[in-house]
């Protein structure tokens, strides 16, 4: 699907009919088009500089290729005259959203449990694809040295251990509709979502499973 490009600064109801398309007007049109797609809460950053586009046809129209934009991080613009595409150009971009980002107030050594007193909070625009990387780190453990002003993410922190080595935990085995629960001893530290080994108290057999959020070991996962 294609739509006629509308880029007048005051009124957005007229289509372009010109041989020269200025860089400023093209950028404004692309930005307006994307704001309609994502909403006003998002920031659009284009990855390349806009330039004037000259077409040797007074009846040329600038048309957005909506289908292309729907599936790509790029605005595709076609310059059309009498239903013939004379030129096309794609403007790539990234989308950012404003969120609270937690940063280190001072230097934090590796393997330190993060507390609220170690944090400062700021509002920043973050790429949509990276939103889930930025977390509230309170209660998590640093996986590396974190320097003053550095942002906390899921890459430089991990949840504190859910189960500690030598701790007795619930072991769950499922076979069809039958679920069996028993006790075992953790042979290593583990966090929710990680696989660890356990030893059943009445057996020498070593079992492996994945820890859930409750600290139970689910066999076969």
N, C-alpha and C. Protein backbone atom coordinates (compact mmCIF):
# COMPACT_ATOMS: atom_id res chain seq x y z
N UNK A 1 0.84 -1.19 0.00
CA UNK A 1 0.00 0.00 0.00
C UNK A 1 0.88 1.24 0.00
N UNK A 2 0.47 2.22 -0.83
CA UNK A 2 1.23 3.46 -0.89
C UNK A 2 0.30 4.63 -0.59
N UNK A 3 0.83 5.66 0.05
CA UNK A 3 0.04 6.85 0.35
C UNK A 3 0.78 8.08 -0.14
N UNK A 4 0.02 9.08 -0.56
CA UNK A 4 0.63 10.32 -1.06
C UNK A 4 1.32 11.04 0.09
N UNK A 5 2.55 11.44 -0.11
CA UNK A 5 3.33 12.16 0.90
C UNK A 5 2.77 13.57 1.10
N UNK A 6 2.58 13.95 2.36
CA UNK A 6 2.05 15.25 2.71
C UNK A 6 3.06 15.94 3.61
N UNK A 7 3.71 17.02 3.15
CA UNK A 7 4.78 17.57 3.97
C UNK A 7 4.78 19.10 4.06
N UNK A 8 3.65 19.72 3.86
CA UNK A 8 3.61 21.16 4.07
C UNK A 8 3.70 21.44 5.56
N UNK A 9 4.47 22.45 5.97
CA UNK A 9 4.71 22.74 7.38
C UNK A 9 3.43 23.14 8.10
N UNK A 10 2.58 23.96 7.46
CA UNK A 10 1.38 24.46 8.13
C UNK A 10 0.21 23.51 7.96
N UNK A 11 -0.09 23.20 6.72
CA UNK A 11 -1.23 22.31 6.45
C UNK A 11 -0.71 21.01 5.87
N UNK A 12 -1.15 19.88 6.45
CA UNK A 12 -0.68 18.58 6.00
C UNK A 12 -1.71 17.95 5.05
N UNK A 13 -2.51 18.76 4.40
CA UNK A 13 -3.60 18.22 3.59
C UNK A 13 -3.34 18.31 2.09
N UNK A 14 -2.18 18.84 1.69
CA UNK A 14 -1.88 18.99 0.28
C UNK A 14 -0.73 18.10 -0.13
N UNK A 15 -0.85 17.47 -1.29
CA UNK A 15 0.23 16.63 -1.77
C UNK A 15 1.27 17.48 -2.51
N UNK A 16 2.49 16.97 -2.56
CA UNK A 16 3.55 17.71 -3.25
C UNK A 16 3.42 17.53 -4.76
N UNK A 17 3.52 18.59 -5.46
CA UNK A 17 3.60 18.57 -6.92
C UNK A 17 4.73 19.50 -7.31
N UNK A 18 5.95 19.00 -7.32
CA UNK A 18 7.11 19.86 -7.57
C UNK A 18 8.24 19.04 -8.12
N UNK A 19 9.18 19.75 -8.74
CA UNK A 19 10.34 19.06 -9.28
C UNK A 19 11.46 18.97 -8.26
N UNK A 20 11.42 19.84 -7.22
CA UNK A 20 12.46 19.85 -6.20
C UNK A 20 11.84 19.60 -4.83
N UNK A 21 12.40 18.64 -4.09
CA UNK A 21 11.94 18.31 -2.75
C UNK A 21 13.08 18.63 -1.79
N UNK A 22 12.87 19.60 -0.92
CA UNK A 22 13.95 20.02 -0.02
C UNK A 22 14.19 18.98 1.07
N UNK A 23 15.42 18.94 1.55
CA UNK A 23 15.79 17.99 2.60
C UNK A 23 14.95 18.20 3.86
N UNK A 24 14.74 19.46 4.24
CA UNK A 24 13.98 19.75 5.46
C UNK A 24 12.55 19.25 5.36
N UNK A 25 11.93 19.47 4.21
CA UNK A 25 10.53 19.06 4.05
C UNK A 25 10.40 17.54 3.98
N UNK A 26 11.38 16.88 3.36
CA UNK A 26 11.35 15.42 3.31
C UNK A 26 11.50 14.83 4.71
N UNK A 27 12.45 15.40 5.47
CA UNK A 27 12.65 14.90 6.83
C UNK A 27 11.40 15.12 7.69
N UNK A 28 10.81 16.29 7.57
CA UNK A 28 9.60 16.58 8.35
C UNK A 28 8.47 15.61 8.00
N UNK A 29 8.34 15.33 6.70
CA UNK A 29 7.29 14.42 6.27
C UNK A 29 7.53 13.01 6.80
N UNK A 30 8.78 12.54 6.71
CA UNK A 30 9.11 11.20 7.20
C UNK A 30 8.89 11.10 8.70
N UNK A 31 9.28 12.13 9.42
CA UNK A 31 9.11 12.12 10.88
C UNK A 31 7.62 12.11 11.25
N UNK A 32 6.83 12.94 10.55
CA UNK A 32 5.39 12.97 10.81
C UNK A 32 4.75 11.63 10.50
N UNK A 33 5.17 11.03 9.41
CA UNK A 33 4.65 9.72 9.00
C UNK A 33 4.92 8.67 10.08
N UNK A 34 6.14 8.70 10.65
CA UNK A 34 6.50 7.71 11.66
C UNK A 34 5.84 7.99 13.01
N UNK A 35 5.64 9.25 13.33
CA UNK A 35 4.93 9.58 14.57
C UNK A 35 3.50 9.06 14.51
N UNK A 36 2.90 9.12 13.33
CA UNK A 36 1.56 8.56 13.16
C UNK A 36 1.57 7.05 13.36
N UNK A 37 2.69 6.43 13.04
CA UNK A 37 2.81 4.98 13.19
C UNK A 37 3.08 4.58 14.64
N UNK A 38 4.02 5.29 15.31
CA UNK A 38 4.45 4.90 16.66
C UNK A 38 3.79 5.70 17.77
N UNK A 39 3.43 6.95 17.51
CA UNK A 39 2.86 7.80 18.55
C UNK A 39 3.85 8.85 19.03
N UNK A 40 3.34 9.83 19.75
CA UNK A 40 4.15 10.96 20.20
C UNK A 40 5.10 10.62 21.33
N UNK A 41 4.93 9.46 21.96
CA UNK A 41 5.78 9.09 23.09
C UNK A 41 7.15 8.55 22.66
N UNK A 42 7.38 8.49 21.37
CA UNK A 42 8.61 7.89 20.87
C UNK A 42 9.47 8.92 20.15
N UNK A 43 10.77 8.69 20.18
CA UNK A 43 11.72 9.56 19.49
C UNK A 43 12.25 8.84 18.26
N UNK A 44 12.26 9.52 17.14
CA UNK A 44 12.73 8.95 15.87
C UNK A 44 14.09 9.54 15.56
N UNK A 45 15.11 8.69 15.40
CA UNK A 45 16.45 9.13 15.01
C UNK A 45 16.78 8.53 13.65
N UNK A 46 16.96 9.39 12.65
CA UNK A 46 17.33 8.91 11.32
C UNK A 46 18.83 8.65 11.27
N UNK A 47 19.23 7.63 10.53
CA UNK A 47 20.61 7.18 10.52
C UNK A 47 21.45 7.84 9.43
N UNK A 48 20.83 8.58 8.57
CA UNK A 48 21.59 9.27 7.52
C UNK A 48 21.04 10.68 7.35
N UNK A 49 21.83 11.52 6.72
CA UNK A 49 21.46 12.92 6.53
C UNK A 49 20.56 13.06 5.31
N UNK A 50 19.53 13.89 5.43
CA UNK A 50 18.63 14.14 4.31
C UNK A 50 19.26 15.15 3.36
N UNK A 51 19.00 14.97 2.09
CA UNK A 51 19.48 15.91 1.08
C UNK A 51 18.32 16.27 0.14
N UNK A 52 18.48 17.39 -0.55
CA UNK A 52 17.46 17.78 -1.53
C UNK A 52 17.39 16.72 -2.63
N UNK A 53 16.18 16.51 -3.12
CA UNK A 53 15.98 15.57 -4.22
C UNK A 53 15.35 16.32 -5.39
N UNK A 54 16.00 16.26 -6.52
CA UNK A 54 15.52 16.95 -7.71
C UNK A 54 15.04 15.93 -8.73
N UNK A 55 13.82 16.13 -9.21
CA UNK A 55 13.22 15.27 -10.23
C UNK A 55 12.84 16.14 -11.41
N UNK A 56 13.23 15.75 -12.60
CA UNK A 56 12.96 16.57 -13.78
C UNK A 56 11.57 16.38 -14.32
N UNK A 57 10.57 16.58 -13.46
CA UNK A 57 9.18 16.43 -13.88
C UNK A 57 8.33 17.26 -12.95
N UNK A 58 7.61 18.26 -13.47
CA UNK A 58 6.82 19.15 -12.63
C UNK A 58 5.60 18.47 -12.02
N UNK A 59 5.19 17.33 -12.55
CA UNK A 59 3.99 16.65 -12.07
C UNK A 59 4.33 15.49 -11.13
N UNK A 60 5.54 15.45 -10.64
CA UNK A 60 5.95 14.32 -9.81
C UNK A 60 5.30 14.41 -8.43
N UNK A 61 5.00 13.27 -7.86
CA UNK A 61 4.44 13.18 -6.52
C UNK A 61 5.32 12.28 -5.66
N UNK A 62 5.46 12.64 -4.40
CA UNK A 62 6.21 11.81 -3.46
C UNK A 62 5.24 10.89 -2.72
N UNK A 63 5.52 9.59 -2.75
CA UNK A 63 4.58 8.60 -2.21
C UNK A 63 5.30 7.68 -1.23
N UNK A 64 4.70 7.49 -0.06
CA UNK A 64 5.24 6.53 0.91
C UNK A 64 4.84 5.11 0.54
N UNK A 65 5.76 4.18 0.66
CA UNK A 65 5.44 2.77 0.52
C UNK A 65 5.16 2.23 1.93
N UNK A 66 3.89 2.23 2.33
CA UNK A 66 3.51 1.86 3.69
C UNK A 66 3.82 0.40 4.00
N UNK A 67 3.68 -0.46 3.00
CA UNK A 67 3.93 -1.88 3.23
C UNK A 67 5.40 -2.13 3.57
N UNK A 68 6.30 -1.45 2.88
CA UNK A 68 7.73 -1.59 3.17
C UNK A 68 8.02 -1.11 4.58
N UNK A 69 7.50 0.06 4.95
CA UNK A 69 7.76 0.63 6.26
C UNK A 69 7.21 -0.23 7.38
N UNK A 70 6.12 -0.95 7.12
CA UNK A 70 5.50 -1.78 8.15
C UNK A 70 6.41 -2.92 8.58
N UNK A 71 7.30 -3.37 7.71
CA UNK A 71 8.13 -4.54 8.01
C UNK A 71 9.62 -4.23 8.08
N UNK A 72 9.99 -2.99 7.96
CA UNK A 72 11.41 -2.62 7.97
C UNK A 72 11.60 -1.34 8.77
N UNK A 73 12.81 -1.18 9.33
CA UNK A 73 13.14 0.07 10.01
C UNK A 73 13.65 1.09 8.99
N UNK A 74 12.82 1.35 8.03
CA UNK A 74 13.16 2.30 6.99
C UNK A 74 11.90 2.86 6.36
N UNK A 75 11.94 4.15 6.02
CA UNK A 75 10.84 4.78 5.30
C UNK A 75 11.20 4.79 3.83
N UNK A 76 10.39 4.13 3.02
CA UNK A 76 10.65 4.08 1.58
C UNK A 76 9.78 5.12 0.89
N UNK A 77 10.44 6.00 0.15
CA UNK A 77 9.77 7.09 -0.52
C UNK A 77 9.96 6.92 -2.03
N UNK A 78 8.84 6.95 -2.77
CA UNK A 78 8.90 6.81 -4.22
C UNK A 78 8.40 8.10 -4.86
N UNK A 79 9.10 8.52 -5.89
CA UNK A 79 8.74 9.73 -6.62
C UNK A 79 8.09 9.29 -7.93
N UNK A 80 6.81 9.60 -8.06
CA UNK A 80 5.97 9.00 -9.10
C UNK A 80 5.40 10.09 -10.01
N UNK A 81 5.36 9.78 -11.29
CA UNK A 81 4.70 10.64 -12.27
C UNK A 81 3.92 9.75 -13.23
N UNK A 82 2.62 10.03 -13.36
CA UNK A 82 1.76 9.23 -14.24
C UNK A 82 1.88 7.74 -13.93
N UNK A 83 1.85 7.43 -12.61
CA UNK A 83 1.90 6.05 -12.11
C UNK A 83 3.22 5.34 -12.41
N UNK A 84 4.22 6.10 -12.82
CA UNK A 84 5.54 5.52 -13.07
C UNK A 84 6.52 6.01 -12.01
N UNK A 85 7.25 5.06 -11.39
CA UNK A 85 8.23 5.42 -10.37
C UNK A 85 9.50 5.92 -11.04
N UNK A 86 9.81 7.20 -10.81
CA UNK A 86 11.01 7.80 -11.40
C UNK A 86 12.24 7.60 -10.52
N UNK A 87 12.03 7.55 -9.21
CA UNK A 87 13.13 7.43 -8.27
C UNK A 87 12.56 6.93 -6.94
N UNK A 88 13.34 6.14 -6.22
CA UNK A 88 12.93 5.72 -4.87
C UNK A 88 14.13 5.86 -3.94
N UNK A 89 13.83 6.16 -2.69
CA UNK A 89 14.89 6.32 -1.69
C UNK A 89 14.36 5.85 -0.34
N UNK A 90 15.23 5.19 0.41
CA UNK A 90 14.86 4.66 1.72
C UNK A 90 15.66 5.38 2.80
N UNK A 91 14.97 5.81 3.84
CA UNK A 91 15.60 6.51 4.96
C UNK A 91 15.48 5.62 6.21
N UNK A 92 16.60 5.09 6.65
CA UNK A 92 16.58 4.18 7.79
C UNK A 92 16.58 4.97 9.10
N UNK A 93 16.03 4.35 10.14
CA UNK A 93 15.86 5.05 11.41
C UNK A 93 15.86 4.06 12.57
N UNK A 94 15.98 4.60 13.78
CA UNK A 94 15.78 3.82 14.99
C UNK A 94 14.74 4.54 15.83
N UNK A 95 14.00 3.75 16.60
CA UNK A 95 12.94 4.30 17.45
C UNK A 95 13.36 4.16 18.90
N UNK A 96 13.18 5.23 19.67
CA UNK A 96 13.55 5.21 21.09
C UNK A 96 12.34 5.60 21.95
N UNK A 97 12.33 5.08 23.16
CA UNK A 97 11.29 5.41 24.12
C UNK A 97 11.93 5.90 25.41
N UNK A 98 11.32 6.88 26.05
CA UNK A 98 11.87 7.44 27.28
C UNK A 98 11.51 6.55 28.47
N UNK A 99 12.51 6.09 29.20
CA UNK A 99 12.30 5.24 30.37
C UNK A 99 13.23 5.69 31.50
N UNK A 100 12.98 5.16 32.69
CA UNK A 100 13.88 5.38 33.81
C UNK A 100 15.06 4.41 33.71
N UNK A 101 16.27 4.96 33.74
CA UNK A 101 17.49 4.16 33.67
C UNK A 101 18.22 4.30 35.00
N UNK A 102 18.61 3.17 35.58
CA UNK A 102 19.33 3.19 36.85
C UNK A 102 20.83 3.13 36.59
N UNK A 103 21.56 4.04 37.26
CA UNK A 103 23.01 4.12 37.08
C UNK A 103 23.71 4.02 38.42
N UNK A 104 24.99 3.67 38.35
CA UNK A 104 25.78 3.51 39.57
C UNK A 104 26.18 4.87 40.13
N UNK A 105 25.95 5.05 41.43
CA UNK A 105 26.32 6.29 42.10
C UNK A 105 27.83 6.38 42.29
N UNK A 106 28.48 5.24 42.43
CA UNK A 106 29.93 5.19 42.61
C UNK A 106 30.43 3.83 42.12
N UNK A 107 31.72 3.61 42.22
CA UNK A 107 32.30 2.34 41.76
C UNK A 107 31.74 1.17 42.56
N UNK A 108 31.35 0.09 41.85
CA UNK A 108 30.83 -1.13 42.49
C UNK A 108 31.69 -2.30 42.03
N UNK A 109 32.31 -3.02 42.96
CA UNK A 109 33.14 -4.18 42.59
C UNK A 109 32.30 -5.34 42.05
N UNK A 110 32.97 -6.24 41.41
CA UNK A 110 32.35 -7.48 40.93
C UNK A 110 31.77 -8.26 42.11
N UNK A 111 30.66 -8.98 41.83
CA UNK A 111 30.04 -9.86 42.81
C UNK A 111 29.52 -9.12 44.05
N UNK A 112 28.94 -7.94 43.80
CA UNK A 112 28.36 -7.14 44.87
C UNK A 112 26.83 -7.14 44.74
N UNK A 113 26.14 -7.35 45.84
CA UNK A 113 24.69 -7.25 45.83
C UNK A 113 24.28 -5.79 45.78
N UNK A 114 23.44 -5.44 44.81
CA UNK A 114 23.07 -4.05 44.58
C UNK A 114 21.96 -3.63 45.54
N UNK A 115 22.14 -2.48 46.18
CA UNK A 115 21.12 -1.91 47.05
C UNK A 115 20.66 -0.58 46.48
N UNK A 116 19.53 -0.08 46.98
CA UNK A 116 18.96 1.17 46.45
C UNK A 116 19.90 2.36 46.68
N UNK A 117 20.72 2.30 47.74
CA UNK A 117 21.64 3.39 48.03
C UNK A 117 22.77 3.51 47.03
N UNK A 118 22.95 2.51 46.17
CA UNK A 118 24.02 2.53 45.18
C UNK A 118 23.56 3.14 43.86
N UNK A 119 22.29 3.56 43.78
CA UNK A 119 21.70 3.94 42.51
C UNK A 119 21.42 5.42 42.39
N UNK A 120 21.46 5.89 41.16
CA UNK A 120 20.85 7.16 40.79
C UNK A 120 19.95 6.86 39.59
N UNK A 121 18.85 7.59 39.48
CA UNK A 121 17.89 7.32 38.42
C UNK A 121 17.81 8.51 37.48
N UNK A 122 17.81 8.23 36.19
CA UNK A 122 17.68 9.29 35.20
C UNK A 122 16.70 8.87 34.12
N UNK A 123 16.15 9.85 33.43
CA UNK A 123 15.22 9.58 32.35
C UNK A 123 15.96 9.69 31.02
N UNK A 124 15.94 8.61 30.24
CA UNK A 124 16.69 8.59 28.98
C UNK A 124 15.87 7.90 27.88
N UNK A 125 16.20 8.25 26.64
CA UNK A 125 15.58 7.57 25.50
C UNK A 125 16.42 6.35 25.13
N UNK A 126 15.75 5.20 25.05
CA UNK A 126 16.42 3.93 24.80
C UNK A 126 15.78 3.26 23.59
N UNK A 127 16.60 2.64 22.75
CA UNK A 127 16.09 1.94 21.57
C UNK A 127 15.08 0.87 21.98
N UNK A 128 14.01 0.72 21.19
CA UNK A 128 12.96 -0.23 21.52
C UNK A 128 13.49 -1.64 21.71
N UNK A 129 14.45 -2.03 20.86
CA UNK A 129 14.99 -3.39 20.92
C UNK A 129 15.79 -3.64 22.20
N UNK A 130 16.16 -2.57 22.91
CA UNK A 130 17.01 -2.72 24.09
C UNK A 130 16.28 -2.41 25.40
N UNK A 131 14.98 -2.15 25.33
CA UNK A 131 14.24 -1.76 26.52
C UNK A 131 14.35 -2.79 27.63
N UNK A 132 14.25 -4.07 27.27
CA UNK A 132 14.25 -5.12 28.28
C UNK A 132 15.61 -5.30 28.94
N UNK A 133 16.66 -4.73 28.35
CA UNK A 133 18.00 -4.86 28.93
C UNK A 133 18.17 -3.98 30.18
N UNK A 134 17.37 -2.92 30.25
CA UNK A 134 17.52 -1.96 31.36
C UNK A 134 16.56 -2.34 32.48
N UNK A 135 17.11 -2.67 33.65
CA UNK A 135 16.32 -3.22 34.74
C UNK A 135 16.57 -2.44 36.03
N UNK A 136 15.67 -2.64 37.00
CA UNK A 136 15.93 -2.16 38.36
C UNK A 136 16.82 -3.20 39.01
N UNK A 137 18.06 -2.85 39.36
CA UNK A 137 19.03 -3.87 39.78
C UNK A 137 19.00 -4.20 41.27
N UNK A 138 18.12 -3.59 42.04
CA UNK A 138 18.12 -3.82 43.49
C UNK A 138 17.92 -5.31 43.78
N UNK A 139 18.82 -5.88 44.58
CA UNK A 139 18.76 -7.29 44.91
C UNK A 139 19.52 -8.19 43.96
N UNK A 140 19.97 -7.62 42.82
CA UNK A 140 20.76 -8.40 41.88
C UNK A 140 22.23 -8.30 42.25
N UNK A 141 23.07 -9.09 41.56
CA UNK A 141 24.50 -9.15 41.87
C UNK A 141 25.29 -8.71 40.64
N UNK A 142 26.27 -7.85 40.83
CA UNK A 142 27.10 -7.39 39.72
C UNK A 142 27.96 -8.53 39.19
N UNK A 143 28.03 -8.65 37.88
CA UNK A 143 28.84 -9.71 37.25
C UNK A 143 30.20 -9.19 36.81
N UNK A 144 30.44 -7.89 37.00
CA UNK A 144 31.69 -7.25 36.63
C UNK A 144 31.80 -5.97 37.45
N UNK A 145 32.95 -5.35 37.42
CA UNK A 145 33.09 -4.05 38.06
C UNK A 145 32.24 -3.03 37.31
N UNK A 146 31.47 -2.26 38.05
CA UNK A 146 30.59 -1.26 37.44
C UNK A 146 31.05 0.11 37.90
N UNK A 147 31.34 0.99 36.96
CA UNK A 147 31.93 2.28 37.28
C UNK A 147 30.85 3.36 37.47
N UNK A 148 31.24 4.44 38.12
CA UNK A 148 30.31 5.52 38.41
C UNK A 148 29.67 6.03 37.11
N UNK A 149 28.35 6.14 37.12
CA UNK A 149 27.63 6.63 35.96
C UNK A 149 27.26 5.56 34.96
N UNK A 150 27.74 4.33 35.17
CA UNK A 150 27.43 3.24 34.23
C UNK A 150 26.01 2.72 34.48
N UNK A 151 25.29 2.44 33.40
CA UNK A 151 23.92 1.96 33.51
C UNK A 151 23.89 0.49 33.94
N UNK A 152 22.90 0.15 34.75
CA UNK A 152 22.68 -1.24 35.13
C UNK A 152 21.81 -1.92 34.08
N UNK A 153 22.25 -3.08 33.64
CA UNK A 153 21.50 -3.84 32.65
C UNK A 153 21.47 -5.31 33.04
N UNK A 154 20.77 -6.08 32.23
CA UNK A 154 20.72 -7.53 32.47
C UNK A 154 22.04 -8.18 32.09
N UNK A 155 22.97 -7.41 31.51
CA UNK A 155 24.26 -7.97 31.11
C UNK A 155 25.33 -7.80 32.19
N UNK A 156 25.24 -6.73 32.98
CA UNK A 156 26.26 -6.55 34.02
C UNK A 156 25.76 -6.89 35.43
N UNK A 157 24.53 -7.41 35.51
CA UNK A 157 24.00 -7.91 36.78
C UNK A 157 23.21 -9.20 36.55
N UNK A 158 23.09 -9.97 37.60
CA UNK A 158 22.28 -11.19 37.57
C UNK A 158 21.43 -11.24 38.83
N UNK A 159 20.30 -11.96 38.79
CA UNK A 159 19.55 -12.15 40.02
C UNK A 159 20.42 -12.85 41.06
N UNK A 160 20.18 -12.54 42.34
CA UNK A 160 20.90 -13.25 43.40
C UNK A 160 20.55 -14.73 43.30
N UNK A 161 21.42 -15.57 43.86
CA UNK A 161 21.19 -17.01 43.75
C UNK A 161 19.87 -17.38 44.40
N UNK A 162 19.11 -18.24 43.72
CA UNK A 162 17.83 -18.73 44.26
C UNK A 162 18.06 -19.88 45.21
N UNK A 163 19.05 -20.69 44.86
CA UNK A 163 19.39 -21.87 45.68
C UNK A 163 20.89 -21.90 45.88
N UNK A 164 21.32 -22.22 47.10
CA UNK A 164 22.74 -22.32 47.39
C UNK A 164 23.16 -23.79 47.51
N UNK A 165 24.42 -24.02 47.18
CA UNK A 165 24.97 -25.38 47.24
C UNK A 165 24.79 -25.95 48.64
N UNK A 166 24.32 -27.20 48.69
CA UNK A 166 24.09 -27.88 49.96
C UNK A 166 22.70 -27.66 50.53
N UNK A 167 21.93 -26.79 49.89
CA UNK A 167 20.59 -26.50 50.38
C UNK A 167 19.61 -27.57 49.92
N UNK A 168 18.66 -27.90 50.77
CA UNK A 168 17.63 -28.88 50.42
C UNK A 168 16.53 -28.18 49.62
N UNK A 169 16.18 -28.76 48.49
CA UNK A 169 15.17 -28.15 47.63
C UNK A 169 14.16 -29.20 47.18
N UNK A 170 13.03 -28.70 46.71
CA UNK A 170 11.98 -29.57 46.17
C UNK A 170 12.32 -29.94 44.73
N UNK A 171 12.19 -31.24 44.44
CA UNK A 171 12.45 -31.75 43.09
C UNK A 171 11.13 -32.24 42.52
N UNK A 172 10.80 -31.78 41.32
CA UNK A 172 9.52 -32.11 40.71
C UNK A 172 9.75 -32.85 39.39
N UNK A 173 9.11 -34.01 39.27
CA UNK A 173 9.18 -34.80 38.04
C UNK A 173 7.77 -35.01 37.52
N UNK A 174 7.56 -34.81 36.23
CA UNK A 174 6.24 -34.98 35.63
C UNK A 174 6.29 -36.03 34.54
N UNK A 175 5.32 -36.95 34.58
CA UNK A 175 5.20 -37.99 33.55
C UNK A 175 3.75 -38.05 33.14
N UNK A 176 3.44 -37.38 32.02
CA UNK A 176 2.04 -37.29 31.60
C UNK A 176 1.24 -36.47 32.60
N UNK A 177 0.18 -37.09 33.11
CA UNK A 177 -0.69 -36.40 34.06
C UNK A 177 -0.22 -36.59 35.50
N UNK A 178 0.85 -37.36 35.68
CA UNK A 178 1.34 -37.67 37.03
C UNK A 178 2.52 -36.77 37.38
N UNK A 179 2.45 -36.14 38.54
CA UNK A 179 3.52 -35.29 39.04
C UNK A 179 4.03 -35.83 40.36
N UNK A 180 5.32 -36.02 40.45
CA UNK A 180 5.94 -36.54 41.67
C UNK A 180 6.84 -35.47 42.26
N UNK A 181 6.69 -35.23 43.56
CA UNK A 181 7.50 -34.23 44.25
C UNK A 181 8.33 -34.93 45.32
N UNK A 182 9.58 -34.54 45.40
CA UNK A 182 10.47 -35.10 46.41
C UNK A 182 11.48 -34.06 46.85
N UNK A 183 12.45 -34.48 47.65
CA UNK A 183 13.48 -33.57 48.14
C UNK A 183 14.84 -34.00 47.63
N UNK A 184 15.71 -33.01 47.42
CA UNK A 184 17.07 -33.29 46.99
C UNK A 184 18.00 -32.23 47.55
N UNK A 185 19.30 -32.48 47.40
CA UNK A 185 20.31 -31.53 47.88
C UNK A 185 21.02 -30.91 46.68
N UNK A 186 21.01 -29.58 46.64
CA UNK A 186 21.66 -28.88 45.52
C UNK A 186 23.16 -29.10 45.58
N UNK A 187 23.76 -29.43 44.44
CA UNK A 187 25.20 -29.64 44.37
C UNK A 187 25.94 -28.40 43.88
N UNK A 188 25.19 -27.32 43.60
CA UNK A 188 25.80 -26.08 43.14
C UNK A 188 24.81 -24.93 43.35
N UNK A 189 25.33 -23.71 43.36
CA UNK A 189 24.47 -22.54 43.42
C UNK A 189 23.69 -22.43 42.12
N UNK A 190 22.52 -21.83 42.20
CA UNK A 190 21.74 -21.64 40.97
C UNK A 190 20.74 -20.51 41.10
N UNK A 191 20.43 -19.92 39.96
CA UNK A 191 19.44 -18.85 39.88
C UNK A 191 18.22 -19.34 39.11
N UNK A 192 17.10 -18.66 39.30
CA UNK A 192 15.89 -19.03 38.56
C UNK A 192 16.17 -19.04 37.07
N UNK A 193 15.76 -20.11 36.41
CA UNK A 193 15.99 -20.25 34.97
C UNK A 193 17.24 -21.01 34.62
N UNK A 194 18.12 -21.24 35.60
CA UNK A 194 19.36 -21.98 35.34
C UNK A 194 19.18 -23.46 35.64
N UNK A 195 19.99 -24.28 35.00
CA UNK A 195 20.00 -25.72 35.26
C UNK A 195 21.10 -26.04 36.28
N UNK A 196 20.75 -26.84 37.26
CA UNK A 196 21.73 -27.27 38.27
C UNK A 196 21.57 -28.76 38.52
N UNK A 197 22.55 -29.33 39.21
CA UNK A 197 22.52 -30.74 39.57
C UNK A 197 22.11 -30.90 41.03
N UNK A 198 21.36 -31.95 41.30
CA UNK A 198 20.96 -32.27 42.67
C UNK A 198 21.17 -33.76 42.92
N UNK A 199 21.23 -34.11 44.18
CA UNK A 199 21.35 -35.51 44.58
C UNK A 199 20.19 -35.83 45.51
N UNK A 200 19.45 -36.88 45.16
CA UNK A 200 18.36 -37.31 46.03
C UNK A 200 18.95 -37.91 47.29
N UNK A 201 18.34 -37.65 48.43
CA UNK A 201 18.88 -38.10 49.71
C UNK A 201 18.94 -39.62 49.83
N UNK A 202 18.03 -40.29 49.14
CA UNK A 202 17.98 -41.75 49.24
C UNK A 202 18.58 -42.45 48.02
N UNK A 203 19.37 -41.72 47.26
CA UNK A 203 19.95 -42.30 46.04
C UNK A 203 21.29 -41.64 45.72
N UNK A 204 22.16 -42.38 45.04
CA UNK A 204 23.44 -41.84 44.61
C UNK A 204 23.34 -41.19 43.22
N UNK A 205 22.17 -41.32 42.61
CA UNK A 205 21.98 -40.81 41.26
C UNK A 205 21.95 -39.28 41.26
N UNK A 206 22.65 -38.68 40.29
CA UNK A 206 22.68 -37.23 40.14
C UNK A 206 21.62 -36.83 39.12
N UNK A 207 20.76 -35.89 39.50
CA UNK A 207 19.69 -35.42 38.62
C UNK A 207 19.97 -33.98 38.20
N UNK A 208 19.49 -33.64 37.01
CA UNK A 208 19.65 -32.28 36.50
C UNK A 208 18.30 -31.71 36.12
N UNK A 209 18.06 -30.48 36.50
CA UNK A 209 16.81 -29.82 36.15
C UNK A 209 16.98 -28.32 36.16
N UNK A 210 15.88 -27.62 35.90
CA UNK A 210 15.92 -26.16 35.84
C UNK A 210 15.15 -25.58 37.03
N UNK A 211 15.73 -24.57 37.65
CA UNK A 211 15.11 -23.91 38.79
C UNK A 211 14.00 -22.96 38.33
N UNK A 212 12.85 -23.03 39.03
CA UNK A 212 11.81 -22.05 38.76
C UNK A 212 11.92 -20.89 39.73
N UNK A 213 11.02 -19.92 39.62
CA UNK A 213 11.10 -18.73 40.45
C UNK A 213 10.93 -19.03 41.93
N UNK A 214 10.29 -20.15 42.24
CA UNK A 214 10.07 -20.54 43.65
C UNK A 214 11.22 -21.32 44.23
N UNK A 215 12.25 -21.58 43.43
CA UNK A 215 13.40 -22.33 43.91
C UNK A 215 13.20 -23.83 43.85
N UNK A 216 12.22 -24.29 43.10
CA UNK A 216 11.99 -25.72 42.92
C UNK A 216 12.72 -26.18 41.65
N UNK A 217 13.17 -27.43 41.66
CA UNK A 217 13.89 -27.96 40.49
C UNK A 217 12.94 -28.80 39.67
N UNK A 218 12.77 -28.39 38.40
CA UNK A 218 11.90 -29.10 37.48
C UNK A 218 12.75 -30.02 36.61
N UNK A 219 12.60 -31.32 36.80
CA UNK A 219 13.41 -32.28 36.05
C UNK A 219 12.97 -32.32 34.58
N UNK A 220 13.93 -32.59 33.71
CA UNK A 220 13.62 -32.73 32.30
C UNK A 220 13.60 -31.42 31.54
N UNK A 221 13.96 -30.32 32.20
CA UNK A 221 13.97 -29.02 31.51
C UNK A 221 15.39 -28.48 31.45
